[in-house]
């Protein structure tokens, strides 16, 4: 996710608790979705779609934080 911000992500994960919480939740949802799609974990198609929407919302929030941090750094 966001390879162009890899260094900035590492820096923010070490200093920004809100960013870290969002990042970890995004990764957790990603794994849950994969497990549901692979039938490792139970979940209906509606549940999977709702989790995907939540994950996308988190990704949007992370991107806003990354853009703001990149602008401040420049």
PDB file of N, CA and C in Angstrom:
ATOM      1  N   UNK A   1       0.845  -1.183   0.000  1.00  0.00           N
ATOM      2  CA  UNK A   1       0.000   0.000   0.000  1.00  0.00           C
ATOM      3  C   UNK A   1       0.887   1.241   0.000  1.00  0.00           C
ATOM      4  N   UNK A   2       0.680   2.099  -0.954  1.00  0.00           N
ATOM      5  CA  UNK A   2       1.402   3.360  -1.095  1.00  0.00           C
ATOM      6  C   UNK A   2       2.928   3.181  -1.092  1.00  0.00           C
ATOM      7  N   UNK A   3       3.475   2.442  -2.045  1.00  0.00           N
ATOM      8  CA  UNK A   3       4.926   2.213  -2.055  1.00  0.00           C
ATOM      9  C   UNK A   3       5.729   3.508  -2.175  1.00  0.00           C
ATOM     10  N   UNK A   4       5.152   4.523  -2.777  1.00  0.00           N
ATOM     11  CA  UNK A   4       5.863   5.799  -2.922  1.00  0.00           C
ATOM     12  C   UNK A   4       6.043   6.511  -1.579  1.00  0.00           C
ATOM     13  N   UNK A   5       5.292   6.073  -0.571  1.00  0.00           N
ATOM     14  CA  UNK A   5       5.388   6.674   0.764  1.00  0.00           C
ATOM     15  C   UNK A   5       6.008   5.726   1.784  1.00  0.00           C
ATOM     16  N   UNK A   6       6.728   4.726   1.327  1.00  0.00           N
ATOM     17  CA  UNK A   6       7.252   3.694   2.237  1.00  0.00           C
ATOM     18  C   UNK A   6       8.052   4.290   3.404  1.00  0.00           C
ATOM     19  N   UNK A   7       8.972   5.192   3.118  1.00  0.00           N
ATOM     20  CA  UNK A   7       9.784   5.789   4.191  1.00  0.00           C
ATOM     21  C   UNK A   7       8.935   6.632   5.135  1.00  0.00           C
ATOM     22  N   UNK A   8       8.003   7.378   4.566  1.00  0.00           N
ATOM     23  CA  UNK A   8       7.127   8.214   5.379  1.00  0.00           C
ATOM     24  C   UNK A   8       6.218   7.358   6.262  1.00  0.00           C
ATOM     25  N   UNK A   9       5.731   6.257   5.737  1.00  0.00           N
ATOM     26  CA  UNK A   9       4.901   5.334   6.527  1.00  0.00           C
ATOM     27  C   UNK A   9       5.692   4.807   7.719  1.00  0.00           C
ATOM     28  N   UNK A  10       6.923   4.414   7.474  1.00  0.00           N
ATOM     29  CA  UNK A  10       7.777   3.920   8.558  1.00  0.00           C
ATOM     30  C   UNK A  10       7.958   4.986   9.625  1.00  0.00           C
ATOM     31  N   UNK A  11       8.202   6.224   9.197  1.00  0.00           N
ATOM     32  CA  UNK A  11       8.398   7.330  10.147  1.00  0.00           C
ATOM     33  C   UNK A  11       7.117   7.596  10.938  1.00  0.00           C
ATOM     34  N   UNK A  12       5.983   7.651  10.245  1.00  0.00           N
ATOM     35  CA  UNK A  12       4.723   7.935  10.923  1.00  0.00           C
ATOM     36  C   UNK A  12       4.329   6.816  11.887  1.00  0.00           C
ATOM     37  N   UNK A  13       4.600   5.567  11.505  1.00  0.00           N
ATOM     38  CA  UNK A  13       4.272   4.458  12.400  1.00  0.00           C
ATOM     39  C   UNK A  13       5.066   4.537  13.698  1.00  0.00           C
ATOM     40  N   UNK A  14       6.204   5.192  13.659  1.00  0.00           N
ATOM     41  CA  UNK A  14       7.006   5.325  14.863  1.00  0.00           C
ATOM     42  C   UNK A  14       6.653   6.527  15.714  1.00  0.00           C
ATOM     43  N   UNK A  15       5.872   7.475  15.144  1.00  0.00           N
ATOM     44  CA  UNK A  15       5.626   8.724  15.866  1.00  0.00           C
ATOM     45  C   UNK A  15       4.162   9.137  15.956  1.00  0.00           C
ATOM     46  N   UNK A  16       3.306   8.591  15.128  1.00  0.00           N
ATOM     47  CA  UNK A  16       1.909   9.027  15.079  1.00  0.00           C
ATOM     48  C   UNK A  16       1.002   7.857  15.455  1.00  0.00           C
ATOM     49  N   UNK A  17       0.490   7.908  16.675  1.00  0.00           N
ATOM     50  CA  UNK A  17      -0.324   6.789  17.179  1.00  0.00           C
ATOM     51  C   UNK A  17      -1.622   6.635  16.390  1.00  0.00           C
ATOM     52  N   UNK A  18      -2.224   7.741  15.983  1.00  0.00           N
ATOM     53  CA  UNK A  18      -3.464   7.673  15.196  1.00  0.00           C
ATOM     54  C   UNK A  18      -3.202   6.984  13.856  1.00  0.00           C
ATOM     55  N   UNK A  19      -2.129   7.387  13.181  1.00  0.00           N
ATOM     56  CA  UNK A  19      -1.767   6.763  11.910  1.00  0.00           C
ATOM     57  C   UNK A  19      -1.524   5.267  12.096  1.00  0.00           C
ATOM     58  N   UNK A  20      -0.792   4.916  13.125  1.00  0.00           N
ATOM     59  CA  UNK A  20      -0.475   3.512  13.397  1.00  0.00           C
ATOM     60  C   UNK A  20      -1.743   2.696  13.632  1.00  0.00           C
ATOM     61  N   UNK A  21      -2.673   3.265  14.387  1.00  0.00           N
ATOM     62  CA  UNK A  21      -3.934   2.575  14.666  1.00  0.00           C
ATOM     63  C   UNK A  21      -4.720   2.339  13.377  1.00  0.00           C
ATOM     64  N   UNK A  22      -4.810   3.371  12.527  1.00  0.00           N
ATOM     65  CA  UNK A  22      -5.508   3.233  11.245  1.00  0.00           C
ATOM     66  C   UNK A  22      -4.813   2.209  10.350  1.00  0.00           C
ATOM     67  N   UNK A  23      -3.497   2.277  10.289  1.00  0.00           N
ATOM     68  CA  UNK A  23      -2.709   1.369   9.453  1.00  0.00           C
ATOM     69  C   UNK A  23      -2.905  -0.082   9.889  1.00  0.00           C
ATOM     70  N   UNK A  24      -2.831  -0.311  11.199  1.00  0.00           N
ATOM     71  CA  UNK A  24      -3.003  -1.671  11.724  1.00  0.00           C
ATOM     72  C   UNK A  24      -4.423  -2.188  11.487  1.00  0.00           C
ATOM     73  N   UNK A  25      -5.419  -1.327  11.651  1.00  0.00           N
ATOM     74  CA  UNK A  25      -6.799  -1.726  11.413  1.00  0.00           C
ATOM     75  C   UNK A  25      -7.004  -2.071   9.937  1.00  0.00           C
ATOM     76  N   UNK A  26      -6.399  -1.290   9.037  1.00  0.00           N
ATOM     77  CA  UNK A  26      -6.484  -1.563   7.597  1.00  0.00           C
ATOM     78  C   UNK A  26      -5.908  -2.944   7.299  1.00  0.00           C
ATOM     79  N   UNK A  27      -4.745  -3.239   7.839  1.00  0.00           N
ATOM     80  CA  UNK A  27      -4.115  -4.538   7.603  1.00  0.00           C
ATOM     81  C   UNK A  27      -4.933  -5.681   8.196  1.00  0.00           C
ATOM     82  N   UNK A  28      -5.514  -5.444   9.353  1.00  0.00           N
ATOM     83  CA  UNK A  28      -6.355  -6.453   9.998  1.00  0.00           C
ATOM     84  C   UNK A  28      -7.584  -6.752   9.125  1.00  0.00           C
ATOM     85  N   UNK A  29      -8.218  -5.702   8.611  1.00  0.00           N
ATOM     86  CA  UNK A  29      -9.374  -5.903   7.733  1.00  0.00           C
ATOM     87  C   UNK A  29      -8.970  -6.637   6.461  1.00  0.00           C
ATOM     88  N   UNK A  30      -7.825  -6.293   5.911  1.00  0.00           N
ATOM     89  CA  UNK A  30      -7.339  -6.940   4.705  1.00  0.00           C
ATOM     90  C   UNK A  30      -7.203  -8.447   4.921  1.00  0.00           C
ATOM     91  N   UNK A  31      -6.627  -8.830   6.043  1.00  0.00           N
ATOM     92  CA  UNK A  31      -6.451 -10.252   6.343  1.00  0.00           C
ATOM     93  C   UNK A  31      -7.796 -10.942   6.568  1.00  0.00           C
ATOM     94  N   UNK A  32      -8.701 -10.276   7.261  1.00  0.00           N
ATOM     95  CA  UNK A  32     -10.026 -10.849   7.498  1.00  0.00           C
ATOM     96  C   UNK A  32     -10.757 -11.075   6.177  1.00  0.00           C
ATOM     97  N   UNK A  33     -10.684 -10.103   5.288  1.00  0.00           N
ATOM     98  CA  UNK A  33     -11.332 -10.230   3.976  1.00  0.00           C
ATOM     99  C   UNK A  33     -10.737 -11.400   3.203  1.00  0.00           C
ATOM    100  N   UNK A  34      -9.426 -11.501   3.176  1.00  0.00           N
ATOM    101  CA  UNK A  34      -8.771 -12.612   2.482  1.00  0.00           C
ATOM    102  C   UNK A  34      -9.213 -13.952   3.059  1.00  0.00           C
ATOM    103  N   UNK A  35      -9.277 -14.037   4.392  1.00  0.00           N
ATOM    104  CA  UNK A  35      -9.694 -15.283   5.039  1.00  0.00           C
ATOM    105  C   UNK A  35     -11.140 -15.638   4.708  1.00  0.00           C
ATOM    106  N   UNK A  36     -12.009 -14.635   4.661  1.00  0.00           N
ATOM    107  CA  UNK A  36     -13.407 -14.881   4.321  1.00  0.00           C
ATOM    108  C   UNK A  36     -13.537 -15.320   2.861  1.00  0.00           C
ATOM    109  N   UNK A  37     -12.811 -14.675   1.984  1.00  0.00           N
ATOM    110  CA  UNK A  37     -12.883 -15.028   0.564  1.00  0.00           C
ATOM    111  C   UNK A  37     -12.326 -16.433   0.303  1.00  0.00           C
ATOM    112  N   UNK A  38     -11.371 -16.846   1.127  1.00  0.00           N
ATOM    113  CA  UNK A  38     -10.781 -18.182   0.989  1.00  0.00           C
ATOM    114  C   UNK A  38     -11.549 -19.234   1.800  1.00  0.00           C
ATOM    115  N   UNK A  39     -12.640 -18.805   2.429  1.00  0.00           N
ATOM    116  CA  UNK A  39     -13.487 -19.683   3.246  1.00  0.00           C
ATOM    117  C   UNK A  39     -12.738 -20.274   4.438  1.00  0.00           C
ATOM    118  N   UNK A  40     -11.716 -19.562   4.887  1.00  0.00           N
ATOM    119  CA  UNK A  40     -11.003 -19.953   6.106  1.00  0.00           C
ATOM    120  C   UNK A  40     -11.784 -19.455   7.315  1.00  0.00           C
ATOM    121  N   UNK A  41     -12.417 -18.316   7.119  1.00  0.00           N
ATOM    122  CA  UNK A  41     -13.202 -17.672   8.166  1.00  0.00           C
ATOM    123  C   UNK A  41     -14.617 -17.471   7.608  1.00  0.00           C
ATOM    124  N   UNK A  42     -15.652 -17.712   8.411  1.00  0.00           N
ATOM    125  CA  UNK A  42     -17.005 -17.549   7.886  1.00  0.00           C
ATOM    126  C   UNK A  42     -17.328 -16.082   7.601  1.00  0.00           C
ATOM    127  N   UNK A  43     -18.102 -15.868   6.551  1.00  0.00           N
ATOM    128  CA  UNK A  43     -18.546 -14.529   6.213  1.00  0.00           C
ATOM    129  C   UNK A  43     -19.359 -14.541   4.941  1.00  0.00           C
ATOM    130  N   UNK A  44     -20.439 -13.786   4.951  1.00  0.00           N
ATOM    131  CA  UNK A  44     -21.293 -13.710   3.767  1.00  0.00           C
ATOM    132  C   UNK A  44     -20.704 -12.695   2.788  1.00  0.00           C
ATOM    133  N   UNK A  45     -21.222 -12.710   1.578  1.00  0.00           N
ATOM    134  CA  UNK A  45     -20.762 -11.765   0.571  1.00  0.00           C
ATOM    135  C   UNK A  45     -21.049 -10.325   1.011  1.00  0.00           C
ATOM    136  N   UNK A  46     -22.183 -10.120   1.684  1.00  0.00           N
ATOM    137  CA  UNK A  46     -22.537  -8.786   2.180  1.00  0.00           C
ATOM    138  C   UNK A  46     -21.531  -8.335   3.235  1.00  0.00           C
ATOM    139  N   UNK A  47     -21.165  -9.234   4.131  1.00  0.00           N
ATOM    140  CA  UNK A  47     -20.164  -8.902   5.160  1.00  0.00           C
ATOM    141  C   UNK A  47     -18.828  -8.541   4.523  1.00  0.00           C
ATOM    142  N   UNK A  48     -18.431  -9.305   3.534  1.00  0.00           N
ATOM    143  CA  UNK A  48     -17.162  -9.041   2.845  1.00  0.00           C
ATOM    144  C   UNK A  48     -17.201  -7.670   2.181  1.00  0.00           C
ATOM    145  N   UNK A  49     -18.296  -7.366   1.501  1.00  0.00           N
ATOM    146  CA  UNK A  49     -18.418  -6.061   0.834  1.00  0.00           C
ATOM    147  C   UNK A  49     -18.379  -4.916   1.843  1.00  0.00           C
ATOM    148  N   UNK A  50     -19.038  -5.090   2.983  1.00  0.00           N
ATOM    149  CA  UNK A  50     -19.012  -4.055   4.018  1.00  0.00           C
ATOM    150  C   UNK A  50     -17.603  -3.853   4.574  1.00  0.00           C
ATOM    151  N   UNK A  51     -16.879  -4.945   4.773  1.00  0.00           N
ATOM    152  CA  UNK A  51     -15.502  -4.845   5.255  1.00  0.00           C
ATOM    153  C   UNK A  51     -14.616  -4.160   4.214  1.00  0.00           C
ATOM    154  N   UNK A  52     -14.847  -4.445   2.945  1.00  0.00           N
ATOM    155  CA  UNK A  52     -14.075  -3.803   1.885  1.00  0.00           C
ATOM    156  C   UNK A  52     -14.322  -2.303   1.865  1.00  0.00           C
ATOM    157  N   UNK A  53     -15.558  -1.898   2.097  1.00  0.00           N
ATOM    158  CA  UNK A  53     -15.886  -0.464   2.149  1.00  0.00           C
ATOM    159  C   UNK A  53     -15.193   0.200   3.342  1.00  0.00           C
ATOM    160  N   UNK A  54     -15.220  -0.477   4.476  1.00  0.00           N
ATOM    161  CA  UNK A  54     -14.553   0.054   5.669  1.00  0.00           C
ATOM    162  C   UNK A  54     -13.045   0.171   5.429  1.00  0.00           C
ATOM    163  N   UNK A  55     -12.475  -0.842   4.798  1.00  0.00           N
ATOM    164  CA  UNK A  55     -11.038  -0.842   4.495  1.00  0.00           C
ATOM    165  C   UNK A  55     -10.689   0.315   3.551  1.00  0.00           C
ATOM    166  N   UNK A  56     -11.520   0.537   2.555  1.00  0.00           N
ATOM    167  CA  UNK A  56     -11.290   1.634   1.615  1.00  0.00           C
ATOM    168  C   UNK A  56     -11.370   2.984   2.319  1.00  0.00           C
ATOM    169  N   UNK A  57     -12.306   3.116   3.239  1.00  0.00           N
ATOM    170  CA  UNK A  57     -12.420   4.355   4.010  1.00  0.00           C
ATOM    171  C   UNK A  57     -11.152   4.593   4.838  1.00  0.00           C
ATOM    172  N   UNK A  58     -10.631   3.546   5.447  1.00  0.00           N
ATOM    173  CA  UNK A  58      -9.381   3.670   6.204  1.00  0.00           C
ATOM    174  C   UNK A  58      -8.225   4.059   5.287  1.00  0.00           C
ATOM    175  N   UNK A  59      -8.185   3.461   4.106  1.00  0.00           N
ATOM    176  CA  UNK A  59      -7.119   3.769   3.146  1.00  0.00           C
ATOM    177  C   UNK A  59      -7.184   5.242   2.745  1.00  0.00           C
ATOM    178  N   UNK A  60      -8.389   5.757   2.543  1.00  0.00           N
ATOM    179  CA  UNK A  60      -8.550   7.181   2.217  1.00  0.00           C
ATOM    180  C   UNK A  60      -8.026   8.063   3.350  1.00  0.00           C
ATOM    181  N   UNK A  61      -8.330   7.695   4.584  1.00  0.00           N
ATOM    182  CA  UNK A  61      -7.851   8.458   5.736  1.00  0.00           C
ATOM    183  C   UNK A  61      -6.324   8.420   5.818  1.00  0.00           C
ATOM    184  N   UNK A  62      -5.756   7.250   5.594  1.00  0.00           N
ATOM    185  CA  UNK A  62      -4.298   7.109   5.622  1.00  0.00           C
ATOM    186  C   UNK A  62      -3.658   7.979   4.541  1.00  0.00           C
ATOM    187  N   UNK A  63      -4.256   8.009   3.365  1.00  0.00           N
ATOM    188  CA  UNK A  63      -3.709   8.787   2.259  1.00  0.00           C
ATOM    189  C   UNK A  63      -3.716  10.280   2.583  1.00  0.00           C
ATOM    190  N   UNK A  64      -4.776  10.754   3.200  1.00  0.00           N
ATOM    191  CA  UNK A  64      -4.848  12.163   3.593  1.00  0.00           C
ATOM    192  C   UNK A  64      -3.715  12.496   4.562  1.00  0.00           C
ATOM    193  N   UNK A  65      -3.496  11.636   5.528  1.00  0.00           N
ATOM    194  CA  UNK A  65      -2.417  11.858   6.499  1.00  0.00           C
ATOM    195  C   UNK A  65      -1.058  11.840   5.808  1.00  0.00           C
ATOM    196  N   UNK A  66      -0.855  10.894   4.899  1.00  0.00           N
ATOM    197  CA  UNK A  66       0.417  10.799   4.175  1.00  0.00           C
ATOM    198  C   UNK A  66       0.664  12.033   3.325  1.00  0.00           C
ATOM    199  N   UNK A  67      -0.352  12.479   2.617  1.00  0.00           N
ATOM    200  CA  UNK A  67      -0.200  13.676   1.772  1.00  0.00           C
ATOM    201  C   UNK A  67       0.150  14.898   2.612  1.00  0.00           C
ATOM    202  N   UNK A  68      -0.540  15.060   3.725  1.00  0.00           N
ATOM    203  CA  UNK A  68      -0.286  16.203   4.607  1.00  0.00           C
ATOM    204  C   UNK A  68       1.139  16.145   5.158  1.00  0.00           C
ATOM    205  N   UNK A  69       1.570  14.970   5.595  1.00  0.00           N
ATOM    206  CA  UNK A  69       2.914  14.809   6.138  1.00  0.00           C
ATOM    207  C   UNK A  69       3.972  15.044   5.063  1.00  0.00           C
ATOM    208  N   UNK A  70       3.704  14.608   3.841  1.00  0.00           N
ATOM    209  CA  UNK A  70       4.648  14.810   2.738  1.00  0.00           C
ATOM    210  C   UNK A  70       4.774  16.286   2.401  1.00  0.00           C
ATOM    211  N   UNK A  71       3.668  17.008   2.427  1.00  0.00           N
ATOM    212  CA  UNK A  71       3.688  18.451   2.153  1.00  0.00           C
ATOM    213  C   UNK A  71       4.454  19.199   3.235  1.00  0.00           C
ATOM    214  N   UNK A  72       4.267  18.799   4.494  1.00  0.00           N
ATOM    215  CA  UNK A  72       4.974  19.445   5.605  1.00  0.00           C
ATOM    216  C   UNK A  72       6.471  19.192   5.537  1.00  0.00           C
ATOM    217  N   UNK A  73       6.826  18.012   5.029  1.00  0.00           N
ATOM    218  CA  UNK A  73       8.235  17.640   4.928  1.00  0.00           C
ATOM    219  C   UNK A  73       8.935  18.410   3.806  1.00  0.00           C
ATOM    220  N   UNK A  74       8.178  18.718   2.752  1.00  0.00           N
ATOM    221  CA  UNK A  74       8.758  19.387   1.569  1.00  0.00           C
ATOM    222  C   UNK A  74       9.087  20.840   1.820  1.00  0.00           C
TER     223      UNK A  74
END
